[in-house]
PDB file of N, CA and C in Angstrom:
ATOM      1  N   UNK A   1      -1.560 -68.145  43.749  1.00  0.00           N
ATOM      2  CA  UNK A   1      -0.575 -67.883  44.778  1.00  0.00           C
ATOM      3  C   UNK A   1      -0.431 -66.375  44.964  1.00  0.00           C
ATOM      4  N   UNK A   2      -0.509 -65.916  46.180  1.00  0.00           N
ATOM      5  CA  UNK A   2      -0.288 -64.501  46.469  1.00  0.00           C
ATOM      6  C   UNK A   2       0.848 -64.371  47.471  1.00  0.00           C
ATOM      7  N   UNK A   3       1.507 -63.250  47.407  1.00  0.00           N
ATOM      8  CA  UNK A   3       2.639 -63.019  48.290  1.00  0.00           C
ATOM      9  C   UNK A   3       2.350 -61.979  49.364  1.00  0.00           C
ATOM     10  N   UNK A   4       1.161 -61.406  49.344  1.00  0.00           N
ATOM     11  CA  UNK A   4       0.900 -60.310  50.273  1.00  0.00           C
ATOM     12  C   UNK A   4       0.952 -60.740  51.740  1.00  0.00           C
ATOM     13  N   UNK A   5       0.802 -62.002  52.055  1.00  0.00           N
ATOM     14  CA  UNK A   5       0.892 -62.481  53.437  1.00  0.00           C
ATOM     15  C   UNK A   5       2.246 -63.107  53.753  1.00  0.00           C
ATOM     16  N   UNK A   6       3.115 -63.130  52.779  1.00  0.00           N
ATOM     17  CA  UNK A   6       4.439 -63.718  52.985  1.00  0.00           C
ATOM     18  C   UNK A   6       5.255 -62.855  53.951  1.00  0.00           C
ATOM     19  N   UNK A   7       5.987 -63.486  54.830  1.00  0.00           N
ATOM     20  CA  UNK A   7       6.881 -62.751  55.733  1.00  0.00           C
ATOM     21  C   UNK A   7       8.209 -62.528  55.016  1.00  0.00           C
ATOM     22  N   UNK A   8       8.177 -61.642  54.051  1.00  0.00           N
ATOM     23  CA  UNK A   8       9.345 -61.344  53.231  1.00  0.00           C
ATOM     24  C   UNK A   8      10.466 -60.760  54.095  1.00  0.00           C
ATOM     25  N   UNK A   9      11.669 -60.957  53.647  1.00  0.00           N
ATOM     26  CA  UNK A   9      12.822 -60.391  54.331  1.00  0.00           C
ATOM     27  C   UNK A   9      13.819 -59.945  53.283  1.00  0.00           C
ATOM     28  N   UNK A  10      14.714 -59.112  53.708  1.00  0.00           N
ATOM     29  CA  UNK A  10      15.728 -58.595  52.811  1.00  0.00           C
ATOM     30  C   UNK A  10      17.076 -59.188  53.187  1.00  0.00           C
ATOM     31  N   UNK A  11      17.998 -59.160  52.251  1.00  0.00           N
ATOM     32  CA  UNK A  11      19.327 -59.674  52.507  1.00  0.00           C
ATOM     33  C   UNK A  11      20.350 -58.925  51.680  1.00  0.00           C
ATOM     34  N   UNK A  12      21.595 -59.070  52.058  1.00  0.00           N
ATOM     35  CA  UNK A  12      22.672 -58.440  51.300  1.00  0.00           C
ATOM     36  C   UNK A  12      23.936 -59.279  51.422  1.00  0.00           C
ATOM     37  N   UNK A  13      24.813 -59.111  50.455  1.00  0.00           N
ATOM     38  CA  UNK A  13      26.056 -59.873  50.394  1.00  0.00           C
ATOM     39  C   UNK A  13      27.209 -59.095  51.006  1.00  0.00           C
ATOM     40  N   UNK A  14      28.117 -59.854  51.598  1.00  0.00           N
ATOM     41  CA  UNK A  14      29.372 -59.301  52.107  1.00  0.00           C
ATOM     42  C   UNK A  14      30.515 -60.167  51.590  1.00  0.00           C
ATOM     43  N   UNK A  15      31.688 -59.605  51.517  1.00  0.00           N
ATOM     44  CA  UNK A  15      32.837 -60.363  51.022  1.00  0.00           C
ATOM     45  C   UNK A  15      33.375 -61.338  52.062  1.00  0.00           C
ATOM     46  N   UNK A  16      33.255 -60.983  53.344  1.00  0.00           N
ATOM     47  CA  UNK A  16      33.814 -61.788  54.426  1.00  0.00           C
ATOM     48  C   UNK A  16      32.793 -61.816  55.566  1.00  0.00           C
ATOM     49  N   UNK A  17      32.130 -62.944  55.746  1.00  0.00           N
ATOM     50  CA  UNK A  17      31.065 -63.046  56.737  1.00  0.00           C
ATOM     51  C   UNK A  17      31.601 -62.875  58.162  1.00  0.00           C
ATOM     52  N   UNK A  18      32.779 -63.402  58.453  1.00  0.00           N
ATOM     53  CA  UNK A  18      33.342 -63.248  59.799  1.00  0.00           C
ATOM     54  C   UNK A  18      33.578 -61.770  60.123  1.00  0.00           C
ATOM     55  N   UNK A  19      34.115 -61.022  59.169  1.00  0.00           N
ATOM     56  CA  UNK A  19      34.343 -59.584  59.373  1.00  0.00           C
ATOM     57  C   UNK A  19      33.020 -58.850  59.538  1.00  0.00           C
ATOM     58  N   UNK A  20      32.020 -59.246  58.775  1.00  0.00           N
ATOM     59  CA  UNK A  20      30.702 -58.615  58.877  1.00  0.00           C
ATOM     60  C   UNK A  20      30.080 -58.868  60.247  1.00  0.00           C
ATOM     61  N   UNK A  21      30.198 -60.099  60.738  1.00  0.00           N
ATOM     62  CA  UNK A  21      29.637 -60.420  62.054  1.00  0.00           C
ATOM     63  C   UNK A  21      30.328 -59.616  63.152  1.00  0.00           C
ATOM     64  N   UNK A  22      31.633 -59.457  63.049  1.00  0.00           N
ATOM     65  CA  UNK A  22      32.360 -58.652  64.031  1.00  0.00           C
ATOM     66  C   UNK A  22      31.914 -57.187  63.958  1.00  0.00           C
ATOM     67  N   UNK A  23      31.745 -56.678  62.753  1.00  0.00           N
ATOM     68  CA  UNK A  23      31.336 -55.287  62.562  1.00  0.00           C
ATOM     69  C   UNK A  23      29.913 -55.052  63.080  1.00  0.00           C
ATOM     70  N   UNK A  24      28.967 -55.845  62.589  1.00  0.00           N
ATOM     71  CA  UNK A  24      27.568 -55.633  62.958  1.00  0.00           C
ATOM     72  C   UNK A  24      27.288 -56.018  64.409  1.00  0.00           C
ATOM     73  N   UNK A  25      27.910 -57.080  64.885  1.00  0.00           N
ATOM     74  CA  UNK A  25      27.687 -57.508  66.255  1.00  0.00           C
ATOM     75  C   UNK A  25      28.580 -56.789  67.252  1.00  0.00           C
ATOM     76  N   UNK A  26      29.883 -56.769  66.957  1.00  0.00           N
ATOM     77  CA  UNK A  26      30.842 -56.173  67.876  1.00  0.00           C
ATOM     78  C   UNK A  26      30.796 -54.665  67.919  1.00  0.00           C
ATOM     79  N   UNK A  27      30.970 -54.033  66.776  1.00  0.00           N
ATOM     80  CA  UNK A  27      31.037 -52.568  66.730  1.00  0.00           C
ATOM     81  C   UNK A  27      29.665 -51.921  66.856  1.00  0.00           C
ATOM     82  N   UNK A  28      28.694 -52.393  66.069  1.00  0.00           N
ATOM     83  CA  UNK A  28      27.374 -51.765  66.087  1.00  0.00           C
ATOM     84  C   UNK A  28      26.470 -52.301  67.198  1.00  0.00           C
ATOM     85  N   UNK A  29      26.807 -53.451  67.755  1.00  0.00           N
ATOM     86  CA  UNK A  29      26.038 -53.983  68.875  1.00  0.00           C
ATOM     87  C   UNK A  29      24.743 -54.682  68.521  1.00  0.00           C
ATOM     88  N   UNK A  30      24.593 -55.115  67.271  1.00  0.00           N
ATOM     89  CA  UNK A  30      23.390 -55.841  66.882  1.00  0.00           C
ATOM     90  C   UNK A  30      23.479 -57.288  67.360  1.00  0.00           C
ATOM     91  N   UNK A  31      22.346 -57.863  67.683  1.00  0.00           N
ATOM     92  CA  UNK A  31      22.307 -59.291  67.990  1.00  0.00           C
ATOM     93  C   UNK A  31      22.337 -60.033  66.664  1.00  0.00           C
ATOM     94  N   UNK A  32      23.144 -61.076  66.606  1.00  0.00           N
ATOM     95  CA  UNK A  32      23.315 -61.843  65.373  1.00  0.00           C
ATOM     96  C   UNK A  32      23.057 -63.311  65.660  1.00  0.00           C
ATOM     97  N   UNK A  33      22.309 -63.941  64.782  1.00  0.00           N
ATOM     98  CA  UNK A  33      22.142 -65.386  64.818  1.00  0.00           C
ATOM     99  C   UNK A  33      23.017 -65.958  63.718  1.00  0.00           C
ATOM    100  N   UNK A  34      23.915 -66.841  64.102  1.00  0.00           N
ATOM    101  CA  UNK A  34      24.833 -67.463  63.154  1.00  0.00           C
ATOM    102  C   UNK A  34      24.167 -68.714  62.602  1.00  0.00           C
ATOM    103  N   UNK A  35      23.881 -68.701  61.323  1.00  0.00           N
ATOM    104  CA  UNK A  35      23.226 -69.825  60.662  1.00  0.00           C
ATOM    105  C   UNK A  35      24.170 -70.491  59.670  1.00  0.00           C
ATOM    106  N   UNK A  36      25.413 -70.776  60.116  1.00  0.00           N
ATOM    107  CA  UNK A  36      26.384 -71.413  59.229  1.00  0.00           C
ATOM    108  C   UNK A  36      26.864 -70.450  58.168  1.00  0.00           C
ATOM    109  N   UNK A  37      26.483 -70.678  56.907  1.00  0.00           N
ATOM    110  CA  UNK A  37      26.955 -69.793  55.839  1.00  0.00           C
ATOM    111  C   UNK A  37      26.180 -68.479  55.770  1.00  0.00           C
ATOM    112  N   UNK A  38      25.235 -68.300  56.687  1.00  0.00           N
ATOM    113  CA  UNK A  38      24.414 -67.088  56.724  1.00  0.00           C
ATOM    114  C   UNK A  38      24.464 -66.501  58.128  1.00  0.00           C
ATOM    115  N   UNK A  39      24.129 -65.231  58.231  1.00  0.00           N
ATOM    116  CA  UNK A  39      23.953 -64.593  59.530  1.00  0.00           C
ATOM    117  C   UNK A  39      22.678 -63.774  59.459  1.00  0.00           C
ATOM    118  N   UNK A  40      21.909 -63.808  60.516  1.00  0.00           N
ATOM    119  CA  UNK A  40      20.709 -62.987  60.595  1.00  0.00           C
ATOM    120  C   UNK A  40      20.986 -61.854  61.555  1.00  0.00           C
ATOM    121  N   UNK A  41      20.834 -60.618  61.064  1.00  0.00           N
ATOM    122  CA  UNK A  41      20.988 -59.440  61.909  1.00  0.00           C
ATOM    123  C   UNK A  41      19.618 -59.133  62.485  1.00  0.00           C
ATOM    124  N   UNK A  42      19.530 -59.025  63.789  1.00  0.00           N
ATOM    125  CA  UNK A  42      18.272 -58.731  64.462  1.00  0.00           C
ATOM    126  C   UNK A  42      18.223 -57.235  64.736  1.00  0.00           C
ATOM    127  N   UNK A  43      17.302 -56.558  64.069  1.00  0.00           N
ATOM    128  CA  UNK A  43      17.174 -55.113  64.159  1.00  0.00           C
ATOM    129  C   UNK A  43      16.034 -54.760  65.105  1.00  0.00           C
ATOM    130  N   UNK A  44      15.948 -53.505  65.489  1.00  0.00           N
ATOM    131  CA  UNK A  44      14.861 -53.045  66.341  1.00  0.00           C
ATOM    132  C   UNK A  44      13.512 -53.297  65.696  1.00  0.00           C
ATOM    133  N   UNK A  45      12.482 -53.401  66.528  1.00  0.00           N
ATOM    134  CA  UNK A  45      11.135 -53.605  66.021  1.00  0.00           C
ATOM    135  C   UNK A  45      10.868 -55.004  65.508  1.00  0.00           C
ATOM    136  N   UNK A  46      11.737 -55.958  65.870  1.00  0.00           N
ATOM    137  CA  UNK A  46      11.533 -57.336  65.433  1.00  0.00           C
ATOM    138  C   UNK A  46      11.899 -57.603  63.985  1.00  0.00           C
ATOM    139  N   UNK A  47      12.592 -56.682  63.372  1.00  0.00           N
ATOM    140  CA  UNK A  47      12.993 -56.866  61.975  1.00  0.00           C
ATOM    141  C   UNK A  47      14.258 -57.707  61.903  1.00  0.00           C
ATOM    142  N   UNK A  48      14.370 -58.452  60.820  1.00  0.00           N
ATOM    143  CA  UNK A  48      15.555 -59.276  60.594  1.00  0.00           C
ATOM    144  C   UNK A  48      16.088 -59.037  59.192  1.00  0.00           C
ATOM    145  N   UNK A  49      17.380 -59.141  59.050  1.00  0.00           N
ATOM    146  CA  UNK A  49      18.052 -58.911  57.781  1.00  0.00           C
ATOM    147  C   UNK A  49      19.082 -60.015  57.591  1.00  0.00           C
ATOM    148  N   UNK A  50      19.016 -60.676  56.466  1.00  0.00           N
ATOM    149  CA  UNK A  50      19.921 -61.780  56.165  1.00  0.00           C
ATOM    150  C   UNK A  50      21.220 -61.241  55.576  1.00  0.00           C
ATOM    151  N   UNK A  51      22.328 -61.765  56.053  1.00  0.00           N
ATOM    152  CA  UNK A  51      23.651 -61.378  55.569  1.00  0.00           C
ATOM    153  C   UNK A  51      24.354 -62.664  55.138  1.00  0.00           C
ATOM    154  N   UNK A  52      24.909 -62.666  53.951  1.00  0.00           N
ATOM    155  CA  UNK A  52      25.546 -63.881  53.458  1.00  0.00           C
ATOM    156  C   UNK A  52      26.854 -63.537  52.752  1.00  0.00           C
ATOM    157  N   UNK A  53      27.769 -64.490  52.771  1.00  0.00           N
ATOM    158  CA  UNK A  53      29.079 -64.277  52.156  1.00  0.00           C
ATOM    159  C   UNK A  53      29.034 -64.557  50.668  1.00  0.00           C
ATOM    160  N   UNK A  54      29.586 -63.625  49.939  1.00  0.00           N
ATOM    161  CA  UNK A  54      29.745 -63.757  48.490  1.00  0.00           C
ATOM    162  C   UNK A  54      31.031 -63.007  48.161  1.00  0.00           C
ATOM    163  N   UNK A  55      32.183 -63.698  48.191  1.00  0.00           N
ATOM    164  CA  UNK A  55      33.487 -63.040  48.080  1.00  0.00           C
ATOM    165  C   UNK A  55      33.668 -62.140  46.859  1.00  0.00           C
ATOM    166  N   UNK A  56      32.949 -62.390  45.790  1.00  0.00           N
ATOM    167  CA  UNK A  56      33.094 -61.554  44.591  1.00  0.00           C
ATOM    168  C   UNK A  56      32.021 -60.482  44.497  1.00  0.00           C
ATOM    169  N   UNK A  57      31.277 -60.277  45.576  1.00  0.00           N
ATOM    170  CA  UNK A  57      30.190 -59.289  45.539  1.00  0.00           C
ATOM    171  C   UNK A  57      30.734 -57.876  45.371  1.00  0.00           C
ATOM    172  N   UNK A  58      29.913 -57.041  44.800  1.00  0.00           N
ATOM    173  CA  UNK A  58      30.215 -55.627  44.641  1.00  0.00           C
ATOM    174  C   UNK A  58      29.413 -54.864  45.686  1.00  0.00           C
ATOM    175  N   UNK A  59      30.056 -53.970  46.395  1.00  0.00           N
ATOM    176  CA  UNK A  59      29.371 -53.195  47.430  1.00  0.00           C
ATOM    177  C   UNK A  59      28.264 -52.344  46.828  1.00  0.00           C
ATOM    178  N   UNK A  60      27.194 -52.216  47.574  1.00  0.00           N
ATOM    179  CA  UNK A  60      26.105 -51.337  47.157  1.00  0.00           C
ATOM    180  C   UNK A  60      26.577 -49.888  47.267  1.00  0.00           C
ATOM    181  N   UNK A  61      26.356 -49.102  46.240  1.00  0.00           N
ATOM    182  CA  UNK A  61      26.774 -47.702  46.249  1.00  0.00           C
ATOM    183  C   UNK A  61      25.681 -46.799  46.809  1.00  0.00           C
ATOM    184  N   UNK A  62      24.575 -47.382  47.177  1.00  0.00           N
ATOM    185  CA  UNK A  62      23.455 -46.659  47.779  1.00  0.00           C
ATOM    186  C   UNK A  62      23.300 -47.148  49.218  1.00  0.00           C
ATOM    187  N   UNK A  63      22.515 -46.452  49.994  1.00  0.00           N
ATOM    188  CA  UNK A  63      22.334 -46.815  51.392  1.00  0.00           C
ATOM    189  C   UNK A  63      21.439 -48.045  51.493  1.00  0.00           C
ATOM    190  N   UNK A  64      21.994 -49.140  52.035  1.00  0.00           N
ATOM    191  CA  UNK A  64      21.228 -50.385  52.139  1.00  0.00           C
ATOM    192  C   UNK A  64      20.495 -50.510  53.467  1.00  0.00           C
ATOM    193  N   UNK A  65      20.927 -49.743  54.468  1.00  0.00           N
ATOM    194  CA  UNK A  65      20.320 -49.864  55.787  1.00  0.00           C
ATOM    195  C   UNK A  65      20.455 -48.532  56.518  1.00  0.00           C
ATOM    196  N   UNK A  66      19.332 -48.047  57.039  1.00  0.00           N
ATOM    197  CA  UNK A  66      19.294 -46.806  57.802  1.00  0.00           C
ATOM    198  C   UNK A  66      18.980 -47.135  59.257  1.00  0.00           C
ATOM    199  N   UNK A  67      19.716 -46.542  60.177  1.00  0.00           N
ATOM    200  CA  UNK A  67      19.462 -46.718  61.599  1.00  0.00           C
ATOM    201  C   UNK A  67      18.884 -45.414  62.149  1.00  0.00           C
ATOM    202  N   UNK A  68      17.565 -45.321  62.314  1.00  0.00           N
ATOM    203  CA  UNK A  68      16.971 -44.107  62.881  1.00  0.00           C
ATOM    204  C   UNK A  68      17.280 -44.002  64.379  1.00  0.00           C
ATOM    205  N   UNK A  69      17.728 -42.832  64.802  1.00  0.00           N
ATOM    206  CA  UNK A  69      18.036 -42.569  66.203  1.00  0.00           C
ATOM    207  C   UNK A  69      17.533 -41.183  66.588  1.00  0.00           C
ATOM    208  N   UNK A  70      17.322 -40.985  67.879  1.00  0.00           N
ATOM    209  CA  UNK A  70      16.836 -39.692  68.367  1.00  0.00           C
ATOM    210  C   UNK A  70      17.919 -38.615  68.293  1.00  0.00           C
ATOM    211  N   UNK A  71      19.184 -38.993  68.496  1.00  0.00           N
ATOM    212  CA  UNK A  71      20.276 -38.020  68.521  1.00  0.00           C
ATOM    213  C   UNK A  71      21.414 -38.499  67.609  1.00  0.00           C
ATOM    214  N   UNK A  72      21.385 -38.030  66.380  1.00  0.00           N
ATOM    215  CA  UNK A  72      22.400 -38.437  65.395  1.00  0.00           C
ATOM    216  C   UNK A  72      23.792 -38.023  65.847  1.00  0.00           C
ATOM    217  N   UNK A  73      23.934 -36.793  66.315  1.00  0.00           N
ATOM    218  CA  UNK A  73      25.257 -36.303  66.712  1.00  0.00           C
ATOM    219  C   UNK A  73      25.872 -37.165  67.814  1.00  0.00           C
ATOM    220  N   UNK A  74      25.102 -37.482  68.845  1.00  0.00           N
ATOM    221  CA  UNK A  74      25.620 -38.298  69.948  1.00  0.00           C
ATOM    222  C   UNK A  74      25.969 -39.702  69.470  1.00  0.00           C
ATOM    223  N   UNK A  75      25.139 -40.285  68.617  1.00  0.00           N
ATOM    224  CA  UNK A  75      25.398 -41.636  68.104  1.00  0.00           C
ATOM    225  C   UNK A  75      26.646 -41.651  67.240  1.00  0.00           C
ATOM    226  N   UNK A  76      26.799 -40.663  66.399  1.00  0.00           N
ATOM    227  CA  UNK A  76      27.987 -40.571  65.543  1.00  0.00           C
ATOM    228  C   UNK A  76      29.244 -40.420  66.388  1.00  0.00           C
ATOM    229  N   UNK A  77      29.197 -39.583  67.403  1.00  0.00           N
ATOM    230  CA  UNK A  77      30.374 -39.408  68.266  1.00  0.00           C
ATOM    231  C   UNK A  77      30.710 -40.707  68.998  1.00  0.00           C
ATOM    232  N   UNK A  78      29.688 -41.393  69.492  1.00  0.00           N
ATOM    233  CA  UNK A  78      29.910 -42.660  70.191  1.00  0.00           C
ATOM    234  C   UNK A  78      30.569 -43.678  69.262  1.00  0.00           C
ATOM    235  N   UNK A  79      30.065 -43.795  68.033  1.00  0.00           N
ATOM    236  CA  UNK A  79      30.628 -44.753  67.083  1.00  0.00           C
ATOM    237  C   UNK A  79      32.018 -44.314  66.598  1.00  0.00           C
ATOM    238  N   UNK A  80      32.229 -43.012  66.474  1.00  0.00           N
ATOM    239  CA  UNK A  80      33.552 -42.498  66.110  1.00  0.00           C
ATOM    240  C   UNK A  80      34.564 -42.857  67.193  1.00  0.00           C
ATOM    241  N   UNK A  81      34.154 -42.727  68.459  1.00  0.00           N
ATOM    242  CA  UNK A  81      35.035 -43.085  69.574  1.00  0.00           C
ATOM    243  C   UNK A  81      35.384 -44.570  69.559  1.00  0.00           C
ATOM    244  N   UNK A  82      34.518 -45.397  68.977  1.00  0.00           N
ATOM    245  CA  UNK A  82      34.773 -46.837  68.859  1.00  0.00           C
ATOM    246  C   UNK A  82      35.611 -47.175  67.631  1.00  0.00           C
ATOM    247  N   UNK A  83      35.928 -46.144  66.817  1.00  0.00           N
ATOM    248  CA  UNK A  83      36.786 -46.360  65.655  1.00  0.00           C
ATOM    249  C   UNK A  83      36.087 -46.346  64.309  1.00  0.00           C
ATOM    250  N   UNK A  84      34.778 -46.121  64.294  1.00  0.00           N
ATOM    251  CA  UNK A  84      34.063 -46.076  63.013  1.00  0.00           C
ATOM    252  C   UNK A  84      34.369 -44.763  62.308  1.00  0.00           C
ATOM    253  N   UNK A  85      34.595 -44.844  61.007  1.00  0.00           N
ATOM    254  CA  UNK A  85      34.884 -43.658  60.194  1.00  0.00           C
ATOM    255  C   UNK A  85      33.651 -43.347  59.360  1.00  0.00           C
ATOM    256  N   UNK A  86      33.191 -42.116  59.434  1.00  0.00           N
ATOM    257  CA  UNK A  86      32.030 -41.697  58.659  1.00  0.00           C
ATOM    258  C   UNK A  86      32.478 -41.105  57.331  1.00  0.00           C
ATOM    259  N   UNK A  87      31.669 -41.335  56.329  1.00  0.00           N
ATOM    260  CA  UNK A  87      31.984 -40.911  54.965  1.00  0.00           C
ATOM    261  C   UNK A  87      31.813 -39.404  54.803  1.00  0.00           C
ATOM    262  N   UNK A  88      32.603 -38.842  53.905  1.00  0.00           N
ATOM    263  CA  UNK A  88      32.457 -37.442  53.505  1.00  0.00           C
ATOM    264  C   UNK A  88      32.197 -37.455  52.010  1.00  0.00           C
ATOM    265  N   UNK A  89      31.164 -36.742  51.588  1.00  0.00           N
ATOM    266  CA  UNK A  89      30.802 -36.698  50.173  1.00  0.00           C
ATOM    267  C   UNK A  89      30.953 -35.279  49.648  1.00  0.00           C
ATOM    268  N   UNK A  90      31.612 -35.155  48.518  1.00  0.00           N
ATOM    269  CA  UNK A  90      31.820 -33.851  47.890  1.00  0.00           C
ATOM    270  C   UNK A  90      30.468 -33.186  47.631  1.00  0.00           C
ATOM    271  N   UNK A  91      30.393 -31.918  47.960  1.00  0.00           N
ATOM    272  CA  UNK A  91      29.177 -31.145  47.711  1.00  0.00           C
ATOM    273  C   UNK A  91      28.109 -31.292  48.780  1.00  0.00           C
ATOM    274  N   UNK A  92      28.348 -32.154  49.777  1.00  0.00           N
ATOM    275  CA  UNK A  92      27.380 -32.329  50.861  1.00  0.00           C
ATOM    276  C   UNK A  92      27.827 -31.475  52.044  1.00  0.00           C
ATOM    277  N   UNK A  93      26.912 -30.689  52.614  1.00  0.00           N
ATOM    278  CA  UNK A  93      27.273 -29.824  53.748  1.00  0.00           C
ATOM    279  C   UNK A  93      27.342 -30.615  55.060  1.00  0.00           C
ATOM    280  N   UNK A  94      28.474 -31.304  55.264  1.00  0.00           N
ATOM    281  CA  UNK A  94      28.658 -32.137  56.446  1.00  0.00           C
ATOM    282  C   UNK A  94      29.591 -31.446  57.441  1.00  0.00           C
ATOM    283  N   UNK A  95      29.356 -31.692  58.721  1.00  0.00           N
ATOM    284  CA  UNK A  95      30.230 -31.123  59.742  1.00  0.00           C
ATOM    285  C   UNK A  95      31.499 -31.962  59.881  1.00  0.00           C
ATOM    286  N   UNK A  96      32.321 -31.626  60.877  1.00  0.00           N
ATOM    287  CA  UNK A  96      33.608 -32.308  61.042  1.00  0.00           C
ATOM    288  C   UNK A  96      33.478 -33.786  61.384  1.00  0.00           C
ATOM    289  N   UNK A  97      32.292 -34.219  61.837  1.00  0.00           N
ATOM    290  CA  UNK A  97      32.059 -35.629  62.136  1.00  0.00           C
ATOM    291  C   UNK A  97      31.441 -36.384  60.955  1.00  0.00           C
ATOM    292  N   UNK A  98      31.065 -35.654  59.911  1.00  0.00           N
ATOM    293  CA  UNK A  98      30.435 -36.280  58.757  1.00  0.00           C
ATOM    294  C   UNK A  98      28.922 -36.204  58.787  1.00  0.00           C
ATOM    295  N   UNK A  99      28.369 -35.449  59.732  1.00  0.00           N
ATOM    296  CA  UNK A  99      26.915 -35.325  59.865  1.00  0.00           C
ATOM    297  C   UNK A  99      26.419 -34.187  58.979  1.00  0.00           C
ATOM    298  N   UNK A 100      25.373 -34.463  58.232  1.00  0.00           N
ATOM    299  CA  UNK A 100      24.742 -33.437  57.404  1.00  0.00           C
ATOM    300  C   UNK A 100      23.493 -32.941  58.140  1.00  0.00           C
ATOM    301  N   UNK A 101      23.471 -31.631  58.393  1.00  0.00           N
ATOM    302  CA  UNK A 101      22.346 -30.965  59.048  1.00  0.00           C
ATOM    303  C   UNK A 101      21.676 -30.023  58.053  1.00  0.00           C
ATOM    304  N   UNK A 102      20.413 -29.768  58.248  1.00  0.00           N
ATOM    305  CA  UNK A 102      19.694 -28.697  57.534  1.00  0.00           C
ATOM    306  C   UNK A 102      19.684 -28.844  56.016  1.00  0.00           C
ATOM    307  N   UNK A 103      19.737 -30.053  55.517  1.00  0.00           N
ATOM    308  CA  UNK A 103      19.647 -30.284  54.078  1.00  0.00           C
ATOM    309  C   UNK A 103      18.898 -31.607  53.889  1.00  0.00           C
ATOM    310  N   UNK A 104      17.683 -31.645  54.424  1.00  0.00           N
ATOM    311  CA  UNK A 104      16.941 -32.887  54.534  1.00  0.00           C
ATOM    312  C   UNK A 104      17.076 -33.389  55.953  1.00  0.00           C
ATOM    313  N   UNK A 105      16.844 -34.664  56.191  1.00  0.00           N
ATOM    314  CA  UNK A 105      16.984 -35.164  57.559  1.00  0.00           C
ATOM    315  C   UNK A 105      18.450 -35.146  58.000  1.00  0.00           C
ATOM    316  N   UNK A 106      18.680 -34.976  59.290  1.00  0.00           N
ATOM    317  CA  UNK A 106      20.034 -35.068  59.817  1.00  0.00           C
ATOM    318  C   UNK A 106      20.492 -36.505  59.617  1.00  0.00           C
ATOM    319  N   UNK A 107      21.667 -36.658  58.986  1.00  0.00           N
ATOM    320  CA  UNK A 107      22.118 -37.994  58.571  1.00  0.00           C
ATOM    321  C   UNK A 107      23.639 -38.046  58.484  1.00  0.00           C
ATOM    322  N   UNK A 108      24.186 -39.224  58.718  1.00  0.00           N
ATOM    323  CA  UNK A 108      25.626 -39.470  58.527  1.00  0.00           C
ATOM    324  C   UNK A 108      25.769 -40.868  57.940  1.00  0.00           C
ATOM    325  N   UNK A 109      26.670 -41.022  56.985  1.00  0.00           N
ATOM    326  CA  UNK A 109      26.847 -42.290  56.293  1.00  0.00           C
ATOM    327  C   UNK A 109      28.163 -42.948  56.684  1.00  0.00           C
ATOM    328  N   UNK A 110      28.167 -44.276  56.654  1.00  0.00           N
ATOM    329  CA  UNK A 110      29.379 -45.052  56.905  1.00  0.00           C
ATOM    330  C   UNK A 110      29.279 -46.338  56.099  1.00  0.00           C
ATOM    331  N   UNK A 111      30.362 -47.086  56.054  1.00  0.00           N
ATOM    332  CA  UNK A 111      30.354 -48.329  55.289  1.00  0.00           C
ATOM    333  C   UNK A 111      30.737 -49.502  56.183  1.00  0.00           C
ATOM    334  N   UNK A 112      30.264 -50.679  55.787  1.00  0.00           N
ATOM    335  CA  UNK A 112      30.659 -51.904  56.478  1.00  0.00           C
ATOM    336  C   UNK A 112      31.987 -52.380  55.877  1.00  0.00           C
ATOM    337  N   UNK A 113      32.576 -53.446  56.395  1.00  0.00           N
ATOM    338  CA  UNK A 113      33.869 -53.899  55.864  1.00  0.00           C
ATOM    339  C   UNK A 113      33.856 -54.266  54.376  1.00  0.00           C
ATOM    340  N   UNK A 114      32.688 -54.534  53.817  1.00  0.00           N
ATOM    341  CA  UNK A 114      32.589 -54.845  52.381  1.00  0.00           C
ATOM    342  C   UNK A 114      32.328 -53.622  51.532  1.00  0.00           C
ATOM    343  N   UNK A 115      32.171 -52.451  52.177  1.00  0.00           N
ATOM    344  CA  UNK A 115      31.929 -51.210  51.443  1.00  0.00           C
ATOM    345  C   UNK A 115      30.465 -50.874  51.249  1.00  0.00           C
ATOM    346  N   UNK A 116      29.536 -51.667  51.798  1.00  0.00           N
ATOM    347  CA  UNK A 116      28.116 -51.334  51.709  1.00  0.00           C
ATOM    348  C   UNK A 116      27.818 -50.087  52.531  1.00  0.00           C
ATOM    349  N   UNK A 117      26.985 -49.200  51.998  1.00  0.00           N
ATOM    350  CA  UNK A 117      26.698 -47.921  52.641  1.00  0.00           C
ATOM    351  C   UNK A 117      25.524 -48.081  53.611  1.00  0.00           C
ATOM    352  N   UNK A 118      25.706 -47.531  54.813  1.00  0.00           N
ATOM    353  CA  UNK A 118      24.678 -47.511  55.858  1.00  0.00           C
ATOM    354  C   UNK A 118      24.578 -46.088  56.387  1.00  0.00           C
ATOM    355  N   UNK A 119      23.536 -45.803  57.154  1.00  0.00           N
ATOM    356  CA  UNK A 119      23.427 -44.461  57.715  1.00  0.00           C
ATOM    357  C   UNK A 119      22.882 -44.470  59.126  1.00  0.00           C
ATOM    358  N   UNK A 120      23.191 -43.386  59.811  1.00  0.00           N
ATOM    359  CA  UNK A 120      22.548 -43.005  61.067  1.00  0.00           C
ATOM    360  C   UNK A 120      21.694 -41.820  60.667  1.00  0.00           C
ATOM    361  N   UNK A 121      20.396 -41.891  60.916  1.00  0.00           N
ATOM    362  CA  UNK A 121      19.477 -40.862  60.446  1.00  0.00           C
ATOM    363  C   UNK A 121      18.528 -40.456  61.579  1.00  0.00           C
ATOM    364  N   UNK A 122      18.157 -39.194  61.603  1.00  0.00           N
ATOM    365  CA  UNK A 122      17.260 -38.678  62.635  1.00  0.00           C
ATOM    366  C   UNK A 122      15.871 -39.313  62.513  1.00  0.00           C
ATOM    367  N   UNK A 123      15.278 -39.598  63.666  1.00  0.00           N
ATOM    368  CA  UNK A 123      13.944 -40.208  63.681  1.00  0.00           C
ATOM    369  C   UNK A 123      12.849 -39.205  63.337  1.00  0.00           C
ATOM    370  N   UNK A 124      13.104 -37.914  63.510  1.00  0.00           N
ATOM    371  CA  UNK A 124      12.046 -36.935  63.219  1.00  0.00           C
ATOM    372  C   UNK A 124      12.108 -36.382  61.841  1.00  0.00           C
TER     373      UNK A 124
END
């Protein structure tokens, strides 16, 4: 048995699936397929990510999902205007919106309702 041809997929746990669907579908604008106790997030490029409820789950303290965009600053401002709060990390040179420039790729981090870390990151 080999797995190299398997259409593997990734998944992550959330504490409240309804809140996650509202966040990922409503706020972030992702298309979501509701599969009962599971939700499939449809990402660009035909990628899919499984999201499932696990009320006792612990949030990932690392970035579980990166959203590459051409203009990080514009995307961050748009999401901030919709009410999303971007994280600030001690020792990171971030601007007033939470965007880090000139210290690796331009990037800004935020969390989902379960506390999982995500990012908006420059495509270049």
